[in-house]
Amino acid sequence: VGNDVNILEKLPFALLAGLNALPNKNGIYT
């Protein structure tokens, strides 16, 4: 995580990506 990013705000995105749960074009995760 870059120094200018709030880790608590961005961490759910990173962890979801680690579960191979990337959002579709409408921001929906499965």
mmCIF file of all heavy atoms, coordinates in Angstrom:
data_MODEL
# 
_entry.id   MODEL 
# 
loop_
_atom_site.group_PDB 
_atom_site.id 
_atom_site.type_symbol 
_atom_site.label_atom_id 
_atom_site.label_alt_id 
_atom_site.label_comp_id 
_atom_site.label_asym_id 
_atom_site.label_entity_id 
_atom_site.label_seq_id 
_atom_site.pdbx_PDB_ins_code 
_atom_site.Cartn_x 
_atom_site.Cartn_y 
_atom_site.Cartn_z 
_atom_site.occupancy 
_atom_site.B_iso_or_equiv 
_atom_site.pdbx_formal_charge 
_atom_site.auth_seq_id 
_atom_site.auth_comp_id 
_atom_site.auth_asym_id 
_atom_site.auth_atom_id 
_atom_site.pdbx_PDB_model_num 
ATOM 1   N N   . VAL A 1 1  ? 0.852   -1.179  0.000   1.00 0.00 ? 1  VAL A N   1 
ATOM 2   C CA  . VAL A 1 1  ? 0.000   0.000   0.000   1.00 0.00 ? 1  VAL A CA  1 
ATOM 3   C C   . VAL A 1 1  ? 0.886   1.226   0.000   1.00 0.00 ? 1  VAL A C   1 
ATOM 4   O O   . VAL A 1 1  ? 1.796   1.343   0.813   1.00 0.00 ? 1  VAL A O   1 
ATOM 5   C CB  . VAL A 1 1  ? -0.921  0.012   1.241   1.00 0.00 ? 1  VAL A CB  1 
ATOM 6   C CG1 . VAL A 1 1  ? -1.805  1.243   1.235   1.00 0.00 ? 1  VAL A CG1 1 
ATOM 7   C CG2 . VAL A 1 1  ? -1.752  -1.252  1.296   1.00 0.00 ? 1  VAL A CG2 1 
ATOM 8   N N   . GLY A 1 2  ? 0.664   2.146   -0.945  1.00 0.00 ? 2  GLY A N   1 
ATOM 9   C CA  . GLY A 1 2  ? 1.441   3.384   -1.015  1.00 0.00 ? 2  GLY A CA  1 
ATOM 10  C C   . GLY A 1 2  ? 1.245   4.217   0.239   1.00 0.00 ? 2  GLY A C   1 
ATOM 11  O O   . GLY A 1 2  ? 0.249   4.098   0.950   1.00 0.00 ? 2  GLY A O   1 
ATOM 12  N N   . ASN A 1 3  ? 2.215   5.104   0.524   1.00 0.00 ? 3  ASN A N   1 
ATOM 13  C CA  . ASN A 1 3  ? 2.176   5.915   1.737   1.00 0.00 ? 3  ASN A CA  1 
ATOM 14  C C   . ASN A 1 3  ? 0.983   6.863   1.786   1.00 0.00 ? 3  ASN A C   1 
ATOM 15  O O   . ASN A 1 3  ? 0.548   7.260   2.860   1.00 0.00 ? 3  ASN A O   1 
ATOM 16  C CB  . ASN A 1 3  ? 3.468   6.728   1.875   1.00 0.00 ? 3  ASN A CB  1 
ATOM 17  C CG  . ASN A 1 3  ? 4.660   5.834   2.137   1.00 0.00 ? 3  ASN A CG  1 
ATOM 18  O OD1 . ASN A 1 3  ? 4.511   4.755   2.692   1.00 0.00 ? 3  ASN A OD1 1 
ATOM 19  N ND2 . ASN A 1 3  ? 5.836   6.281   1.732   1.00 0.00 ? 3  ASN A ND2 1 
ATOM 20  N N   . ASP A 1 4  ? 0.455   7.240   0.622   1.00 0.00 ? 4  ASP A N   1 
ATOM 21  C CA  . ASP A 1 4  ? -0.634  8.212   0.584   1.00 0.00 ? 4  ASP A CA  1 
ATOM 22  C C   . ASP A 1 4  ? -2.016  7.569   0.677   1.00 0.00 ? 4  ASP A C   1 
ATOM 23  O O   . ASP A 1 4  ? -3.026  8.241   0.577   1.00 0.00 ? 4  ASP A O   1 
ATOM 24  C CB  . ASP A 1 4  ? -0.549  9.046   -0.688  1.00 0.00 ? 4  ASP A CB  1 
ATOM 25  C CG  . ASP A 1 4  ? -0.705  8.203   -1.950  1.00 0.00 ? 4  ASP A CG  1 
ATOM 26  O OD1 . ASP A 1 4  ? -0.432  6.999   -1.888  1.00 0.00 ? 4  ASP A OD1 1 
ATOM 27  O OD2 . ASP A 1 4  ? -1.105  8.769   -2.985  1.00 0.00 ? 4  ASP A OD2 1 
ATOM 28  N N   . VAL A 1 5  ? -2.077  6.263   0.890   1.00 0.00 ? 5  VAL A N   1 
ATOM 29  C CA  . VAL A 1 5  ? -3.350  5.550   0.891   1.00 0.00 ? 5  VAL A CA  1 
ATOM 30  C C   . VAL A 1 5  ? -3.691  5.111   2.312   1.00 0.00 ? 5  VAL A C   1 
ATOM 31  O O   . VAL A 1 5  ? -2.849  4.606   3.035   1.00 0.00 ? 5  VAL A O   1 
ATOM 32  C CB  . VAL A 1 5  ? -3.266  4.307   -0.031  1.00 0.00 ? 5  VAL A CB  1 
ATOM 33  C CG1 . VAL A 1 5  ? -4.560  3.519   0.018   1.00 0.00 ? 5  VAL A CG1 1 
ATOM 34  C CG2 . VAL A 1 5  ? -2.960  4.740   -1.454  1.00 0.00 ? 5  VAL A CG2 1 
ATOM 35  N N   . ASN A 1 6  ? -4.945  5.302   2.712   1.00 0.00 ? 6  ASN A N   1 
ATOM 36  C CA  . ASN A 1 6  ? -5.411  4.820   4.005   1.00 0.00 ? 6  ASN A CA  1 
ATOM 37  C C   . ASN A 1 6  ? -5.582  3.307   3.909   1.00 0.00 ? 6  ASN A C   1 
ATOM 38  O O   . ASN A 1 6  ? -6.485  2.825   3.240   1.00 0.00 ? 6  ASN A O   1 
ATOM 39  C CB  . ASN A 1 6  ? -6.745  5.499   4.356   1.00 0.00 ? 6  ASN A CB  1 
ATOM 40  C CG  . ASN A 1 6  ? -7.307  5.013   5.679   1.00 0.00 ? 6  ASN A CG  1 
ATOM 41  O OD1 . ASN A 1 6  ? -6.945  3.965   6.195   1.00 0.00 ? 6  ASN A OD1 1 
ATOM 42  N ND2 . ASN A 1 6  ? -8.203  5.807   6.238   1.00 0.00 ? 6  ASN A ND2 1 
ATOM 43  N N   . ILE A 1 7  ? -4.727  2.542   4.579   1.00 0.00 ? 7  ILE A N   1 
ATOM 44  C CA  . ILE A 1 7  ? -4.732  1.084   4.437   1.00 0.00 ? 7  ILE A CA  1 
ATOM 45  C C   . ILE A 1 7  ? -6.060  0.470   4.872   1.00 0.00 ? 7  ILE A C   1 
ATOM 46  O O   . ILE A 1 7  ? -6.535  -0.476  4.265   1.00 0.00 ? 7  ILE A O   1 
ATOM 47  C CB  . ILE A 1 7  ? -3.551  0.439   5.195   1.00 0.00 ? 7  ILE A CB  1 
ATOM 48  C CG1 . ILE A 1 7  ? -3.452  -1.054  4.847   1.00 0.00 ? 7  ILE A CG1 1 
ATOM 49  C CG2 . ILE A 1 7  ? -3.688  0.630   6.689   1.00 0.00 ? 7  ILE A CG2 1 
ATOM 50  C CD1 . ILE A 1 7  ? -2.186  -1.709  5.272   1.00 0.00 ? 7  ILE A CD1 1 
ATOM 51  N N   . LEU A 1 8  ? -6.691  1.012   5.901   1.00 0.00 ? 8  LEU A N   1 
ATOM 52  C CA  . LEU A 1 8  ? -7.960  0.445   6.347   1.00 0.00 ? 8  LEU A CA  1 
ATOM 53  C C   . LEU A 1 8  ? -9.061  0.654   5.318   1.00 0.00 ? 8  LEU A C   1 
ATOM 54  O O   . LEU A 1 8  ? -9.978  -0.141  5.209   1.00 0.00 ? 8  LEU A O   1 
ATOM 55  C CB  . LEU A 1 8  ? -8.373  1.046   7.687   1.00 0.00 ? 8  LEU A CB  1 
ATOM 56  C CG  . LEU A 1 8  ? -7.474  0.677   8.866   1.00 0.00 ? 8  LEU A CG  1 
ATOM 57  C CD1 . LEU A 1 8  ? -7.946  1.388   10.129  1.00 0.00 ? 8  LEU A CD1 1 
ATOM 58  C CD2 . LEU A 1 8  ? -7.429  -0.822  9.077   1.00 0.00 ? 8  LEU A CD2 1 
ATOM 59  N N   . GLU A 1 9  ? -8.945  1.723   4.540   1.00 0.00 ? 9  GLU A N   1 
ATOM 60  C CA  . GLU A 1 9  ? -9.934  1.983   3.493   1.00 0.00 ? 9  GLU A CA  1 
ATOM 61  C C   . GLU A 1 9  ? -9.720  1.074   2.294   1.00 0.00 ? 9  GLU A C   1 
ATOM 62  O O   . GLU A 1 9  ? -10.668 0.591   1.687   1.00 0.00 ? 9  GLU A O   1 
ATOM 63  C CB  . GLU A 1 9  ? -9.830  3.445   3.057   1.00 0.00 ? 9  GLU A CB  1 
ATOM 64  C CG  . GLU A 1 9  ? -10.769 3.830   1.939   1.00 0.00 ? 9  GLU A CG  1 
ATOM 65  C CD  . GLU A 1 9  ? -10.571 5.265   1.522   1.00 0.00 ? 9  GLU A CD  1 
ATOM 66  O OE1 . GLU A 1 9  ? -10.462 6.142   2.396   1.00 0.00 ? 9  GLU A OE1 1 
ATOM 67  O OE2 . GLU A 1 9  ? -10.504 5.510   0.305   1.00 0.00 ? 9  GLU A OE2 1 
ATOM 68  N N   . LYS A 1 10 ? -8.484  0.811   1.924   1.00 0.00 ? 10 LYS A N   1 
ATOM 69  C CA  . LYS A 1 10 ? -8.179  0.048   0.718   1.00 0.00 ? 10 LYS A CA  1 
ATOM 70  C C   . LYS A 1 10 ? -8.010  -1.443  0.953   1.00 0.00 ? 10 LYS A C   1 
ATOM 71  O O   . LYS A 1 10 ? -8.094  -2.226  0.023   1.00 0.00 ? 10 LYS A O   1 
ATOM 72  C CB  . LYS A 1 10 ? -6.901  0.592   0.053   1.00 0.00 ? 10 LYS A CB  1 
ATOM 73  C CG  . LYS A 1 10 ? -7.006  2.026   -0.390  1.00 0.00 ? 10 LYS A CG  1 
ATOM 74  C CD  . LYS A 1 10 ? -8.075  2.212   -1.436  1.00 0.00 ? 10 LYS A CD  1 
ATOM 75  C CE  . LYS A 1 10 ? -8.159  3.651   -1.877  1.00 0.00 ? 10 LYS A CE  1 
ATOM 76  N NZ  . LYS A 1 10 ? -9.202  3.893   -2.840  1.00 0.00 ? 10 LYS A NZ  1 
ATOM 77  N N   . LEU A 1 11 ? -7.797  -1.861  2.186   1.00 0.00 ? 11 LEU A N   1 
ATOM 78  C CA  . LEU A 1 11 ? -7.531  -3.266  2.469   1.00 0.00 ? 11 LEU A CA  1 
ATOM 79  C C   . LEU A 1 11 ? -8.641  -4.209  2.009   1.00 0.00 ? 11 LEU A C   1 
ATOM 80  O O   . LEU A 1 11 ? -8.338  -5.269  1.467   1.00 0.00 ? 11 LEU A O   1 
ATOM 81  C CB  . LEU A 1 11 ? -7.224  -3.461  3.953   1.00 0.00 ? 11 LEU A CB  1 
ATOM 82  C CG  . LEU A 1 11 ? -6.591  -4.790  4.330   1.00 0.00 ? 11 LEU A CG  1 
ATOM 83  C CD1 . LEU A 1 11 ? -5.312  -5.028  3.539   1.00 0.00 ? 11 LEU A CD1 1 
ATOM 84  C CD2 . LEU A 1 11 ? -6.298  -4.837  5.806   1.00 0.00 ? 11 LEU A CD2 1 
ATOM 85  N N   . PRO A 1 12 ? -9.931  -3.884  2.176   1.00 0.00 ? 12 PRO A N   1 
ATOM 86  C CA  . PRO A 1 12 ? -10.955 -4.819  1.675   1.00 0.00 ? 12 PRO A CA  1 
ATOM 87  C C   . PRO A 1 12 ? -10.812 -5.111  0.184   1.00 0.00 ? 12 PRO A C   1 
ATOM 88  O O   . PRO A 1 12 ? -11.001 -6.237  -0.243  1.00 0.00 ? 12 PRO A O   1 
ATOM 89  C CB  . PRO A 1 12 ? -12.276 -4.090  1.964   1.00 0.00 ? 12 PRO A CB  1 
ATOM 90  C CG  . PRO A 1 12 ? -11.962 -3.197  3.104   1.00 0.00 ? 12 PRO A CG  1 
ATOM 91  C CD  . PRO A 1 12 ? -10.538 -2.759  2.886   1.00 0.00 ? 12 PRO A CD  1 
ATOM 92  N N   . PHE A 1 13 ? -10.436 -4.106  -0.616  1.00 0.00 ? 13 PHE A N   1 
ATOM 93  C CA  . PHE A 1 13 ? -10.230 -4.330  -2.040  1.00 0.00 ? 13 PHE A CA  1 
ATOM 94  C C   . PHE A 1 13 ? -9.101  -5.320  -2.262  1.00 0.00 ? 13 PHE A C   1 
ATOM 95  O O   . PHE A 1 13 ? -9.206  -6.249  -3.050  1.00 0.00 ? 13 PHE A O   1 
ATOM 96  C CB  . PHE A 1 13 ? -9.878  -3.019  -2.759  1.00 0.00 ? 13 PHE A CB  1 
ATOM 97  C CG  . PHE A 1 13 ? -11.002 -2.056  -2.854  1.00 0.00 ? 13 PHE A CG  1 
ATOM 98  C CD1 . PHE A 1 13 ? -11.086 -0.987  -1.986  1.00 0.00 ? 13 PHE A CD1 1 
ATOM 99  C CD2 . PHE A 1 13 ? -11.988 -2.202  -3.818  1.00 0.00 ? 13 PHE A CD2 1 
ATOM 100 C CE1 . PHE A 1 13 ? -12.127 -0.086  -2.078  1.00 0.00 ? 13 PHE A CE1 1 
ATOM 101 C CE2 . PHE A 1 13 ? -13.028 -1.307  -3.917  1.00 0.00 ? 13 PHE A CE2 1 
ATOM 102 C CZ  . PHE A 1 13 ? -13.096 -0.240  -3.038  1.00 0.00 ? 13 PHE A CZ  1 
ATOM 103 N N   . ALA A 1 14 ? -8.000  -5.134  -1.554  1.00 0.00 ? 14 ALA A N   1 
ATOM 104 C CA  . ALA A 1 14 ? -6.836  -5.992  -1.716  1.00 0.00 ? 14 ALA A CA  1 
ATOM 105 C C   . ALA A 1 14 ? -7.139  -7.423  -1.304  1.00 0.00 ? 14 ALA A C   1 
ATOM 106 O O   . ALA A 1 14 ? -6.781  -8.374  -1.994  1.00 0.00 ? 14 ALA A O   1 
ATOM 107 C CB  . ALA A 1 14 ? -5.668  -5.442  -0.904  1.00 0.00 ? 14 ALA A CB  1 
ATOM 108 N N   . LEU A 1 15 ? -7.805  -7.588  -0.169  1.00 0.00 ? 15 LEU A N   1 
ATOM 109 C CA  . LEU A 1 15 ? -8.097  -8.925  0.323   1.00 0.00 ? 15 LEU A CA  1 
ATOM 110 C C   . LEU A 1 15 ? -9.121  -9.632  -0.554  1.00 0.00 ? 15 LEU A C   1 
ATOM 111 O O   . LEU A 1 15 ? -9.012  -10.830 -0.796  1.00 0.00 ? 15 LEU A O   1 
ATOM 112 C CB  . LEU A 1 15 ? -8.557  -8.865  1.770   1.00 0.00 ? 15 LEU A CB  1 
ATOM 113 C CG  . LEU A 1 15 ? -7.474  -8.407  2.748   1.00 0.00 ? 15 LEU A CG  1 
ATOM 114 C CD1 . LEU A 1 15 ? -8.059  -8.169  4.123   1.00 0.00 ? 15 LEU A CD1 1 
ATOM 115 C CD2 . LEU A 1 15 ? -6.332  -9.394  2.814   1.00 0.00 ? 15 LEU A CD2 1 
ATOM 116 N N   . LEU A 1 16 ? -10.123 -8.900  -1.038  1.00 0.00 ? 16 LEU A N   1 
ATOM 117 C CA  . LEU A 1 16 ? -11.088 -9.499  -1.953  1.00 0.00 ? 16 LEU A CA  1 
ATOM 118 C C   . LEU A 1 16 ? -10.386 -9.966  -3.216  1.00 0.00 ? 16 LEU A C   1 
ATOM 119 O O   . LEU A 1 16 ? -10.677 -11.035 -3.746  1.00 0.00 ? 16 LEU A O   1 
ATOM 120 C CB  . LEU A 1 16 ? -12.200 -8.508  -2.293  1.00 0.00 ? 16 LEU A CB  1 
ATOM 121 C CG  . LEU A 1 16 ? -13.251 -8.325  -1.209  1.00 0.00 ? 16 LEU A CG  1 
ATOM 122 C CD1 . LEU A 1 16 ? -14.083 -7.087  -1.470  1.00 0.00 ? 16 LEU A CD1 1 
ATOM 123 C CD2 . LEU A 1 16 ? -14.137 -9.540  -1.101  1.00 0.00 ? 16 LEU A CD2 1 
ATOM 124 N N   . ALA A 1 17 ? -9.442  -9.190  -3.698  1.00 0.00 ? 17 ALA A N   1 
ATOM 125 C CA  . ALA A 1 17 ? -8.679  -9.592  -4.875  1.00 0.00 ? 17 ALA A CA  1 
ATOM 126 C C   . ALA A 1 17 ? -7.886  -10.857 -4.584  1.00 0.00 ? 17 ALA A C   1 
ATOM 127 O O   . ALA A 1 17 ? -7.759  -11.733 -5.433  1.00 0.00 ? 17 ALA A O   1 
ATOM 128 C CB  . ALA A 1 17 ? -7.750  -8.465  -5.318  1.00 0.00 ? 17 ALA A CB  1 
ATOM 129 N N   . GLY A 1 18 ? -7.377  -10.991 -3.358  1.00 0.00 ? 18 GLY A N   1 
ATOM 130 C CA  . GLY A 1 18 ? -6.659  -12.188 -2.961  1.00 0.00 ? 18 GLY A CA  1 
ATOM 131 C C   . GLY A 1 18 ? -7.541  -13.430 -2.952  1.00 0.00 ? 18 GLY A C   1 
ATOM 132 O O   . GLY A 1 18 ? -7.049  -14.542 -3.080  1.00 0.00 ? 18 GLY A O   1 
ATOM 133 N N   . LEU A 1 19 ? -8.849  -13.254 -2.824  1.00 0.00 ? 19 LEU A N   1 
ATOM 134 C CA  . LEU A 1 19 ? -9.796  -14.372 -2.891  1.00 0.00 ? 19 LEU A CA  1 
ATOM 135 C C   . LEU A 1 19 ? -10.294 -14.579 -4.321  1.00 0.00 ? 19 LEU A C   1 
ATOM 136 O O   . LEU A 1 19 ? -11.223 -15.343 -4.546  1.00 0.00 ? 19 LEU A O   1 
ATOM 137 C CB  . LEU A 1 19 ? -11.006 -14.105 -1.982  1.00 0.00 ? 19 LEU A CB  1 
ATOM 138 C CG  . LEU A 1 19 ? -10.741 -14.125 -0.495  1.00 0.00 ? 19 LEU A CG  1 
ATOM 139 C CD1 . LEU A 1 19 ? -11.988 -13.710 0.267   1.00 0.00 ? 19 LEU A CD1 1 
ATOM 140 C CD2 . LEU A 1 19 ? -10.283 -15.494 -0.051  1.00 0.00 ? 19 LEU A CD2 1 
ATOM 141 N N   . ASN A 1 20 ? -9.679  -13.882 -5.264  1.00 0.00 ? 20 ASN A N   1 
ATOM 142 C CA  . ASN A 1 20 ? -10.085 -13.919 -6.674  1.00 0.00 ? 20 ASN A CA  1 
ATOM 143 C C   . ASN A 1 20 ? -11.521 -13.415 -6.826  1.00 0.00 ? 20 ASN A C   1 
ATOM 144 O O   . ASN A 1 20 ? -12.288 -13.911 -7.644  1.00 0.00 ? 20 ASN A O   1 
ATOM 145 C CB  . ASN A 1 20 ? -9.938  -15.316 -7.262  1.00 0.00 ? 20 ASN A CB  1 
ATOM 146 C CG  . ASN A 1 20 ? -9.924  -15.281 -8.781  1.00 0.00 ? 20 ASN A CG  1 
ATOM 147 O OD1 . ASN A 1 20 ? -9.546  -14.275 -9.371  1.00 0.00 ? 20 ASN A OD1 1 
ATOM 148 N ND2 . ASN A 1 20 ? -10.346 -16.357 -9.412  1.00 0.00 ? 20 ASN A ND2 1 
ATOM 149 N N   . ALA A 1 21 ? -11.870 -12.423 -6.022  1.00 0.00 ? 21 ALA A N   1 
ATOM 150 C CA  . ALA A 1 21 ? -13.199 -11.824 -6.079  1.00 0.00 ? 21 ALA A CA  1 
ATOM 151 C C   . ALA A 1 21 ? -13.053 -10.389 -6.565  1.00 0.00 ? 21 ALA A C   1 
ATOM 152 O O   . ALA A 1 21 ? -13.126 -9.446  -5.787  1.00 0.00 ? 21 ALA A O   1 
ATOM 153 C CB  . ALA A 1 21 ? -13.869 -11.870 -4.716  1.00 0.00 ? 21 ALA A CB  1 
ATOM 154 N N   . LEU A 1 22 ? -12.798 -10.242 -7.835  1.00 0.00 ? 22 LEU A N   1 
ATOM 155 C CA  . LEU A 1 22 ? -12.685 -8.908  -8.417  1.00 0.00 ? 22 LEU A CA  1 
ATOM 156 C C   . LEU A 1 22 ? -14.052 -8.475  -8.914  1.00 0.00 ? 22 LEU A C   1 
ATOM 157 O O   . LEU A 1 22 ? -14.835 -9.292  -9.396  1.00 0.00 ? 22 LEU A O   1 
ATOM 158 C CB  . LEU A 1 22 ? -11.663 -8.917  -9.547  1.00 0.00 ? 22 LEU A CB  1 
ATOM 159 C CG  . LEU A 1 22 ? -10.251 -9.302  -9.111  1.00 0.00 ? 22 LEU A CG  1 
ATOM 160 C CD1 . LEU A 1 22 ? -9.339  -9.426  -10.319 1.00 0.00 ? 22 LEU A CD1 1 
ATOM 161 C CD2 . LEU A 1 22 ? -9.699  -8.271  -8.141  1.00 0.00 ? 22 LEU A CD2 1 
ATOM 162 N N   . PRO A 1 23 ? -14.372 -7.188  -8.800  1.00 0.00 ? 23 PRO A N   1 
ATOM 163 C CA  . PRO A 1 23 ? -15.710 -6.747  -9.189  1.00 0.00 ? 23 PRO A CA  1 
ATOM 164 C C   . PRO A 1 23 ? -15.909 -6.760  -10.700 1.00 0.00 ? 23 PRO A C   1 
ATOM 165 O O   . PRO A 1 23 ? -14.959 -6.615  -11.457 1.00 0.00 ? 23 PRO A O   1 
ATOM 166 C CB  . PRO A 1 23 ? -15.767 -5.318  -8.648  1.00 0.00 ? 23 PRO A CB  1 
ATOM 167 C CG  . PRO A 1 23 ? -14.347 -4.863  -8.663  1.00 0.00 ? 23 PRO A CG  1 
ATOM 168 C CD  . PRO A 1 23 ? -13.533 -6.093  -8.340  1.00 0.00 ? 23 PRO A CD  1 
ATOM 169 N N   . ASN A 1 24 ? -17.179 -6.916  -11.118 1.00 0.00 ? 24 ASN A N   1 
ATOM 170 C CA  . ASN A 1 24 ? -17.490 -6.767  -12.538 1.00 0.00 ? 24 ASN A CA  1 
ATOM 171 C C   . ASN A 1 24 ? -17.559 -5.278  -12.856 1.00 0.00 ? 24 ASN A C   1 
ATOM 172 O O   . ASN A 1 24 ? -17.287 -4.431  -11.998 1.00 0.00 ? 24 ASN A O   1 
ATOM 173 C CB  . ASN A 1 24 ? -18.784 -7.511  -12.901 1.00 0.00 ? 24 ASN A CB  1 
ATOM 174 C CG  . ASN A 1 24 ? -20.024 -6.917  -12.277 1.00 0.00 ? 24 ASN A CG  1 
ATOM 175 O OD1 . ASN A 1 24 ? -20.050 -5.764  -11.824 1.00 0.00 ? 24 ASN A OD1 1 
ATOM 176 N ND2 . ASN A 1 24 ? -21.091 -7.696  -12.236 1.00 0.00 ? 24 ASN A ND2 1 
ATOM 177 N N   . LYS A 1 25 ? -17.924 -4.929  -14.066 1.00 0.00 ? 25 LYS A N   1 
ATOM 178 C CA  . LYS A 1 25 ? -17.904 -3.516  -14.486 1.00 0.00 ? 25 LYS A CA  1 
ATOM 179 C C   . LYS A 1 25 ? -18.897 -2.662  -13.701 1.00 0.00 ? 25 LYS A C   1 
ATOM 180 O O   . LYS A 1 25 ? -18.784 -1.445  -13.677 1.00 0.00 ? 25 LYS A O   1 
ATOM 181 C CB  . LYS A 1 25 ? -18.169 -3.407  -15.978 1.00 0.00 ? 25 LYS A CB  1 
ATOM 182 C CG  . LYS A 1 25 ? -19.529 -3.863  -16.411 1.00 0.00 ? 25 LYS A CG  1 
ATOM 183 C CD  . LYS A 1 25 ? -19.715 -3.752  -17.905 1.00 0.00 ? 25 LYS A CD  1 
ATOM 184 C CE  . LYS A 1 25 ? -21.103 -4.252  -18.286 1.00 0.00 ? 25 LYS A CE  1 
ATOM 185 N NZ  . LYS A 1 25 ? -21.351 -4.119  -19.701 1.00 0.00 ? 25 LYS A NZ  1 
ATOM 186 N N   . ASN A 1 26 ? -19.851 -3.288  -13.034 1.00 0.00 ? 26 ASN A N   1 
ATOM 187 C CA  . ASN A 1 26 ? -20.825 -2.554  -12.220 1.00 0.00 ? 26 ASN A CA  1 
ATOM 188 C C   . ASN A 1 26 ? -20.441 -2.510  -10.738 1.00 0.00 ? 26 ASN A C   1 
ATOM 189 O O   . ASN A 1 26 ? -21.236 -2.082  -9.909  1.00 0.00 ? 26 ASN A O   1 
ATOM 190 C CB  . ASN A 1 26 ? -22.210 -3.182  -12.366 1.00 0.00 ? 26 ASN A CB  1 
ATOM 191 C CG  . ASN A 1 26 ? -22.724 -3.092  -13.782 1.00 0.00 ? 26 ASN A CG  1 
ATOM 192 O OD1 . ASN A 1 26 ? -22.563 -2.067  -14.444 1.00 0.00 ? 26 ASN A OD1 1 
ATOM 193 N ND2 . ASN A 1 26 ? -23.316 -4.161  -14.266 1.00 0.00 ? 26 ASN A ND2 1 
ATOM 194 N N   . GLY A 1 27 ? -19.235 -2.990  -10.394 1.00 0.00 ? 27 GLY A N   1 
ATOM 195 C CA  . GLY A 1 27 ? -18.786 -2.976  -9.004  1.00 0.00 ? 27 GLY A CA  1 
ATOM 196 C C   . GLY A 1 27 ? -19.384 -4.070  -8.145  1.00 0.00 ? 27 GLY A C   1 
ATOM 197 O O   . GLY A 1 27 ? -19.386 -3.975  -6.924  1.00 0.00 ? 27 GLY A O   1 
ATOM 198 N N   . ILE A 1 28 ? -19.864 -5.137  -8.793  1.00 0.00 ? 28 ILE A N   1 
ATOM 199 C CA  . ILE A 1 28 ? -20.476 -6.250  -8.063  1.00 0.00 ? 28 ILE A CA  1 
ATOM 200 C C   . ILE A 1 28 ? -19.453 -7.373  -7.898  1.00 0.00 ? 28 ILE A C   1 
ATOM 201 O O   . ILE A 1 28 ? -18.824 -7.798  -8.859  1.00 0.00 ? 28 ILE A O   1 
ATOM 202 C CB  . ILE A 1 28 ? -21.718 -6.794  -8.817  1.00 0.00 ? 28 ILE A CB  1 
ATOM 203 C CG1 . ILE A 1 28 ? -22.739 -5.682  -9.064  1.00 0.00 ? 28 ILE A CG1 1 
ATOM 204 C CG2 . ILE A 1 28 ? -22.325 -7.974  -8.072  1.00 0.00 ? 28 ILE A CG2 1 
ATOM 205 C CD1 . ILE A 1 28 ? -23.366 -5.112  -7.828  1.00 0.00 ? 28 ILE A CD1 1 
ATOM 206 N N   . TYR A 1 29 ? -19.309 -7.848  -6.666  1.00 0.00 ? 29 TYR A N   1 
ATOM 207 C CA  . TYR A 1 29 ? -18.432 -8.969  -6.343  1.00 0.00 ? 29 TYR A CA  1 
ATOM 208 C C   . TYR A 1 29 ? -19.272 -10.241 -6.231  1.00 0.00 ? 29 TYR A C   1 
ATOM 209 O O   . TYR A 1 29 ? -20.440 -10.191 -5.864  1.00 0.00 ? 29 TYR A O   1 
ATOM 210 C CB  . TYR A 1 29 ? -17.734 -8.748  -4.998  1.00 0.00 ? 29 TYR A CB  1 
ATOM 211 C CG  . TYR A 1 29 ? -16.755 -7.617  -4.990  1.00 0.00 ? 29 TYR A CG  1 
ATOM 212 C CD1 . TYR A 1 29 ? -17.174 -6.307  -4.796  1.00 0.00 ? 29 TYR A CD1 1 
ATOM 213 C CD2 . TYR A 1 29 ? -15.402 -7.857  -5.153  1.00 0.00 ? 29 TYR A CD2 1 
ATOM 214 C CE1 . TYR A 1 29 ? -16.265 -5.268  -4.772  1.00 0.00 ? 29 TYR A CE1 1 
ATOM 215 C CE2 . TYR A 1 29 ? -14.481 -6.824  -5.133  1.00 0.00 ? 29 TYR A CE2 1 
ATOM 216 C CZ  . TYR A 1 29 ? -14.917 -5.525  -4.940  1.00 0.00 ? 29 TYR A CZ  1 
ATOM 217 O OH  . TYR A 1 29 ? -14.022 -4.497  -4.921  1.00 0.00 ? 29 TYR A OH  1 
ATOM 218 N N   . THR A 1 30 ? -18.654 -11.387 -6.504  1.00 0.00 ? 30 THR A N   1 
ATOM 219 C CA  . THR A 1 30 ? -19.328 -12.675 -6.382  1.00 0.00 ? 30 THR A CA  1 
ATOM 220 C C   . THR A 1 30 ? -18.472 -13.618 -5.536  1.00 0.00 ? 30 THR A C   1 
ATOM 221 O O   . THR A 1 30 ? -17.287 -13.782 -5.801  1.00 0.00 ? 30 THR A O   1 
ATOM 222 C CB  . THR A 1 30 ? -19.544 -13.312 -7.774  1.00 0.00 ? 30 THR A CB  1 
ATOM 223 O OG1 . THR A 1 30 ? -20.309 -12.425 -8.572  1.00 0.00 ? 30 THR A OG1 1 
ATOM 224 C CG2 . THR A 1 30 ? -20.261 -14.641 -7.663  1.00 0.00 ? 30 THR A CG2 1 
# 
